[in-house]
Amino acid sequence: MAKTSSSTATATTPASYEDALGELDRLVGAMEAGQLPLDRLLESYKRGAELLSFCRARLEAVEQQVKVLEDGQLKPLAFAPGPAKSVGAP
């Protein structure tokens, strides 16, 4: 009953954060459309959880790299010049 091609495809690790995010976006769109059979919906949910975990791990790894680059202190990034203050800044 189970499709081996879809189950092996769901076991692959994304090549990058962007790939994982794109796949996750497609899965969410398909799930929100409400046209998936129950078995496929469950597979999609499980795959989405795997992708979410992968994305979180990648973001945490990048955060750690930034902390190292900033001498152990994570500093807010300035995206645009101007008088705007960072959250929590006096």
N, C-alpha and C. Protein backbone atom coordinates (compact mmCIF):
# COMPACT_ATOMS: atom_id res chain seq x y z
N MET A 1 0.80 -1.20 0.00
CA MET A 1 0.00 0.00 0.00
C MET A 1 0.85 1.26 0.00
N ALA A 2 1.93 1.27 0.76
CA ALA A 2 2.77 2.46 0.84
C ALA A 2 3.58 2.61 -0.45
N LYS A 3 3.73 3.83 -0.84
CA LYS A 3 4.52 4.12 -2.04
C LYS A 3 5.98 4.26 -1.64
N THR A 4 6.82 3.41 -2.19
CA THR A 4 8.22 3.45 -1.82
C THR A 4 8.92 4.66 -2.39
N SER A 5 8.50 5.14 -3.55
CA SER A 5 9.17 6.29 -4.14
C SER A 5 8.96 7.54 -3.31
N SER A 6 7.75 7.75 -2.75
CA SER A 6 7.52 8.94 -1.95
C SER A 6 8.17 8.82 -0.58
N SER A 7 8.23 7.60 -0.02
CA SER A 7 8.84 7.45 1.29
C SER A 7 10.36 7.61 1.21
N THR A 8 10.98 7.20 0.10
CA THR A 8 12.41 7.41 -0.03
C THR A 8 12.72 8.86 -0.35
N ALA A 9 11.84 9.52 -1.05
CA ALA A 9 12.05 10.93 -1.36
C ALA A 9 11.96 11.77 -0.09
N THR A 10 11.09 11.38 0.85
CA THR A 10 10.94 12.15 2.07
C THR A 10 12.11 11.96 3.03
N ALA A 11 12.91 10.94 2.82
CA ALA A 11 14.03 10.66 3.71
C ALA A 11 15.28 11.44 3.33
N THR A 12 15.26 12.18 2.25
CA THR A 12 16.45 12.90 1.82
C THR A 12 16.65 14.17 2.64
N THR A 13 17.90 14.51 2.84
CA THR A 13 18.25 15.74 3.54
C THR A 13 18.35 16.86 2.52
N PRO A 14 17.75 18.01 2.81
CA PRO A 14 17.83 19.13 1.86
C PRO A 14 19.28 19.57 1.65
N ALA A 15 19.55 20.08 0.47
CA ALA A 15 20.91 20.54 0.15
C ALA A 15 21.24 21.84 0.88
N SER A 16 20.23 22.64 1.16
CA SER A 16 20.48 23.93 1.82
C SER A 16 19.24 24.37 2.60
N TYR A 17 19.42 25.41 3.38
CA TYR A 17 18.32 26.00 4.12
C TYR A 17 17.23 26.48 3.16
N GLU A 18 17.65 27.11 2.07
CA GLU A 18 16.71 27.63 1.10
C GLU A 18 15.90 26.52 0.44
N ASP A 19 16.56 25.40 0.13
CA ASP A 19 15.85 24.26 -0.45
C ASP A 19 14.81 23.71 0.52
N ALA A 20 15.21 23.60 1.79
CA ALA A 20 14.29 23.09 2.81
C ALA A 20 13.10 24.02 2.98
N LEU A 21 13.37 25.32 2.99
CA LEU A 21 12.30 26.29 3.15
C LEU A 21 11.34 26.26 1.96
N GLY A 22 11.87 26.12 0.76
CA GLY A 22 11.03 26.02 -0.43
C GLY A 22 10.16 24.79 -0.41
N GLU A 23 10.75 23.65 -0.04
CA GLU A 23 9.97 22.41 0.03
C GLU A 23 8.90 22.52 1.11
N LEU A 24 9.26 23.10 2.24
CA LEU A 24 8.30 23.27 3.32
C LEU A 24 7.14 24.17 2.87
N ASP A 25 7.45 25.21 2.15
CA ASP A 25 6.41 26.10 1.64
C ASP A 25 5.46 25.37 0.69
N ARG A 26 6.02 24.53 -0.18
CA ARG A 26 5.18 23.75 -1.11
C ARG A 26 4.30 22.75 -0.34
N LEU A 27 4.87 22.11 0.67
CA LEU A 27 4.09 21.15 1.46
C LEU A 27 2.93 21.84 2.18
N VAL A 28 3.21 22.98 2.77
CA VAL A 28 2.16 23.71 3.49
C VAL A 28 1.06 24.13 2.52
N GLY A 29 1.44 24.59 1.33
CA GLY A 29 0.44 24.97 0.34
C GLY A 29 -0.44 23.81 -0.06
N ALA A 30 0.17 22.65 -0.27
CA ALA A 30 -0.60 21.46 -0.65
C ALA A 30 -1.52 21.02 0.49
N MET A 31 -1.03 21.10 1.72
CA MET A 31 -1.84 20.70 2.87
C MET A 31 -2.99 21.67 3.08
N GLU A 32 -2.73 22.96 2.91
CA GLU A 32 -3.78 23.96 3.10
C GLU A 32 -4.85 23.88 2.02
N ALA A 33 -4.50 23.37 0.84
CA ALA A 33 -5.47 23.24 -0.24
C ALA A 33 -6.55 22.21 0.10
N GLY A 34 -6.21 21.28 1.01
CA GLY A 34 -7.19 20.32 1.46
C GLY A 34 -7.53 19.23 0.46
N GLN A 35 -6.67 19.00 -0.51
CA GLN A 35 -6.96 18.01 -1.55
C GLN A 35 -6.15 16.72 -1.39
N LEU A 36 -5.34 16.62 -0.36
CA LEU A 36 -4.50 15.43 -0.17
C LEU A 36 -5.29 14.33 0.54
N PRO A 37 -5.09 13.08 0.12
CA PRO A 37 -5.68 11.97 0.87
C PRO A 37 -5.02 11.88 2.26
N LEU A 38 -5.68 11.24 3.18
CA LEU A 38 -5.22 11.20 4.56
C LEU A 38 -3.79 10.66 4.70
N ASP A 39 -3.46 9.57 4.01
CA ASP A 39 -2.11 9.00 4.10
C ASP A 39 -1.05 10.00 3.62
N ARG A 40 -1.34 10.65 2.52
CA ARG A 40 -0.40 11.63 1.95
C ARG A 40 -0.29 12.85 2.87
N LEU A 41 -1.39 13.23 3.50
CA LEU A 41 -1.39 14.34 4.44
C LEU A 41 -0.48 14.04 5.62
N LEU A 42 -0.57 12.82 6.12
CA LEU A 42 0.29 12.42 7.23
C LEU A 42 1.76 12.41 6.83
N GLU A 43 2.06 11.88 5.64
CA GLU A 43 3.44 11.89 5.13
C GLU A 43 3.96 13.32 5.01
N SER A 44 3.12 14.21 4.50
CA SER A 44 3.51 15.60 4.33
C SER A 44 3.77 16.27 5.66
N TYR A 45 2.93 15.95 6.65
CA TYR A 45 3.12 16.52 7.98
C TYR A 45 4.45 16.07 8.58
N LYS A 46 4.74 14.79 8.46
CA LYS A 46 6.01 14.25 8.98
C LYS A 46 7.20 14.89 8.28
N ARG A 47 7.12 15.00 6.96
CA ARG A 47 8.21 15.62 6.20
C ARG A 47 8.36 17.08 6.61
N GLY A 48 7.25 17.76 6.81
CA GLY A 48 7.31 19.16 7.25
C GLY A 48 8.00 19.30 8.59
N ALA A 49 7.73 18.39 9.50
CA ALA A 49 8.40 18.41 10.80
C ALA A 49 9.90 18.20 10.65
N GLU A 50 10.30 17.30 9.75
CA GLU A 50 11.73 17.07 9.48
C GLU A 50 12.37 18.33 8.91
N LEU A 51 11.70 18.96 7.96
CA LEU A 51 12.23 20.18 7.34
C LEU A 51 12.33 21.32 8.34
N LEU A 52 11.33 21.45 9.19
CA LEU A 52 11.36 22.48 10.22
C LEU A 52 12.54 22.28 11.16
N SER A 53 12.77 21.04 11.56
CA SER A 53 13.90 20.72 12.42
C SER A 53 15.23 21.07 11.73
N PHE A 54 15.34 20.73 10.44
CA PHE A 54 16.54 21.03 9.68
C PHE A 54 16.76 22.55 9.64
N CYS A 55 15.71 23.31 9.34
CA CYS A 55 15.84 24.78 9.25
C CYS A 55 16.25 25.37 10.59
N ARG A 56 15.64 24.91 11.67
CA ARG A 56 16.00 25.42 12.99
C ARG A 56 17.46 25.14 13.32
N ALA A 57 17.91 23.94 12.98
CA ALA A 57 19.30 23.58 13.25
C ALA A 57 20.26 24.46 12.45
N ARG A 58 19.93 24.71 11.20
CA ARG A 58 20.78 25.58 10.36
C ARG A 58 20.82 27.00 10.92
N LEU A 59 19.67 27.52 11.34
CA LEU A 59 19.62 28.87 11.90
C LEU A 59 20.43 28.96 13.19
N GLU A 60 20.33 27.94 14.03
CA GLU A 60 21.11 27.92 15.27
C GLU A 60 22.61 27.88 14.97
N ALA A 61 23.00 27.10 13.95
CA ALA A 61 24.41 27.02 13.57
C ALA A 61 24.92 28.38 13.09
N VAL A 62 24.13 29.06 12.30
CA VAL A 62 24.52 30.39 11.80
C VAL A 62 24.60 31.38 12.96
N GLU A 63 23.65 31.29 13.89
CA GLU A 63 23.68 32.17 15.06
C GLU A 63 24.96 31.97 15.85
N GLN A 64 25.38 30.72 16.01
CA GLN A 64 26.61 30.44 16.73
C GLN A 64 27.82 31.03 16.00
N GLN A 65 27.82 30.96 14.68
CA GLN A 65 28.92 31.54 13.90
C GLN A 65 28.97 33.05 14.08
N VAL A 66 27.81 33.68 14.12
CA VAL A 66 27.76 35.13 14.31
C VAL A 66 28.28 35.49 15.70
N LYS A 67 27.91 34.69 16.70
CA LYS A 67 28.39 34.95 18.06
C LYS A 67 29.92 34.87 18.11
N VAL A 68 30.48 33.92 17.43
CA VAL A 68 31.94 33.78 17.41
C VAL A 68 32.56 34.99 16.71
N LEU A 69 31.97 35.41 15.63
CA LEU A 69 32.49 36.57 14.89
C LEU A 69 32.39 37.86 15.68
N GLU A 70 31.43 37.93 16.57
CA GLU A 70 31.22 39.14 17.37
C GLU A 70 31.79 38.99 18.78
N ASP A 71 32.83 38.22 18.93
CA ASP A 71 33.48 38.00 20.23
C ASP A 71 32.52 37.50 21.30
N GLY A 72 31.66 36.57 20.91
CA GLY A 72 30.79 35.94 21.88
C GLY A 72 29.52 36.70 22.20
N GLN A 73 29.32 37.86 21.59
CA GLN A 73 28.11 38.62 21.84
C GLN A 73 27.35 38.80 20.54
N LEU A 74 26.12 38.36 20.54
CA LEU A 74 25.27 38.52 19.38
C LEU A 74 24.76 39.95 19.36
N LYS A 75 25.16 40.68 18.32
CA LYS A 75 24.75 42.08 18.21
C LYS A 75 23.71 42.21 17.11
N PRO A 76 22.77 43.13 17.28
CA PRO A 76 21.75 43.30 16.24
C PRO A 76 22.37 43.84 14.96
N LEU A 77 21.83 43.38 13.85
CA LEU A 77 22.32 43.85 12.56
C LEU A 77 21.61 45.14 12.19
N ALA A 78 22.35 46.09 11.65
CA ALA A 78 21.75 47.34 11.19
C ALA A 78 21.40 47.18 9.72
N PHE A 79 20.11 47.16 9.41
CA PHE A 79 19.68 46.95 8.04
C PHE A 79 19.61 48.25 7.25
N ALA A 80 19.28 49.34 7.91
CA ALA A 80 19.19 50.62 7.22
C ALA A 80 19.63 51.73 8.17
N PRO A 81 20.35 52.71 7.66
CA PRO A 81 20.76 53.80 8.54
C PRO A 81 19.54 54.64 8.94
N GLY A 82 19.60 55.18 10.11
CA GLY A 82 18.50 56.02 10.56
C GLY A 82 18.44 56.07 12.07
N PRO A 83 17.51 56.84 12.59
CA PRO A 83 17.43 57.02 14.05
C PRO A 83 16.75 55.86 14.78
N ALA A 84 16.30 54.85 14.08
CA ALA A 84 15.60 53.75 14.74
C ALA A 84 16.54 53.02 15.69
N LYS A 85 16.03 52.70 16.87
CA LYS A 85 16.82 51.97 17.86
C LYS A 85 16.43 50.53 17.87
N SER A 86 17.35 49.67 18.28
CA SER A 86 17.08 48.23 18.40
C SER A 86 16.15 48.00 19.58
N VAL A 87 15.43 46.90 19.53
CA VAL A 87 14.55 46.51 20.61
C VAL A 87 15.39 46.30 21.85
N GLY A 88 14.99 46.90 22.94
CA GLY A 88 15.73 46.73 24.19
C GLY A 88 16.86 47.73 24.34
N ALA A 89 17.08 48.59 23.36
CA ALA A 89 18.14 49.58 23.45
C ALA A 89 17.65 50.75 24.29
N PRO A 90 18.51 51.33 25.11
CA PRO A 90 18.10 52.46 25.98
C PRO A 90 17.83 53.71 25.19
